[in-house]
């Protein structure tokens, strides 16, 4: 099997379903909204083999500005190496666990005002990541000029892309690359 076609949303498969699909080169979907609805168990995503997504035969490399979807499913884009820049579309409220994990070429993330929940390891192991920006009106998350993703109050670090030393009133936190 070299190509897979998905034509409807709410797709969910079990763990490692595509892990030995070394000949898989393309994933085809009908709409991005339907892909947002997919949910993959960890390592079940077909990107572990192919790393490329096509929407109506056009290679997907950039998110739309808005979407009718409310969430991005677990592991939905993990291992996708075509993504360089992510602008989480207006309308998205939840980013699932591992949603963009291992997107090695990903350099920049912009999180829109409506995002209220980001799952565990959603942006982990994105080795090229240098910039994270959160809409200043987002009530749940914030970022700094160094590109670190925090909760709104900046008391918890969600994602840090490089080694950082942060000084708080009583302690010094040293965070390693990929935290």
Foldseek 3Di string as FASTA:
>chain_A
DAEEEDEAAQAEDAALCQVPVQNHAEYEYADVLRLQRYAYDVNRDNLNRHLWYHHVNHTDAEDDQADCHQERYHCSNANNQSYAEYEPHPNHAEYEHCPHHNNQNHAEYEYEQRHAYYYARVHFPNQNHFAYQYDPNRQFWGADPRHWIATPVRPGTRFDQAWDWDDDPPDIDTDHHRD
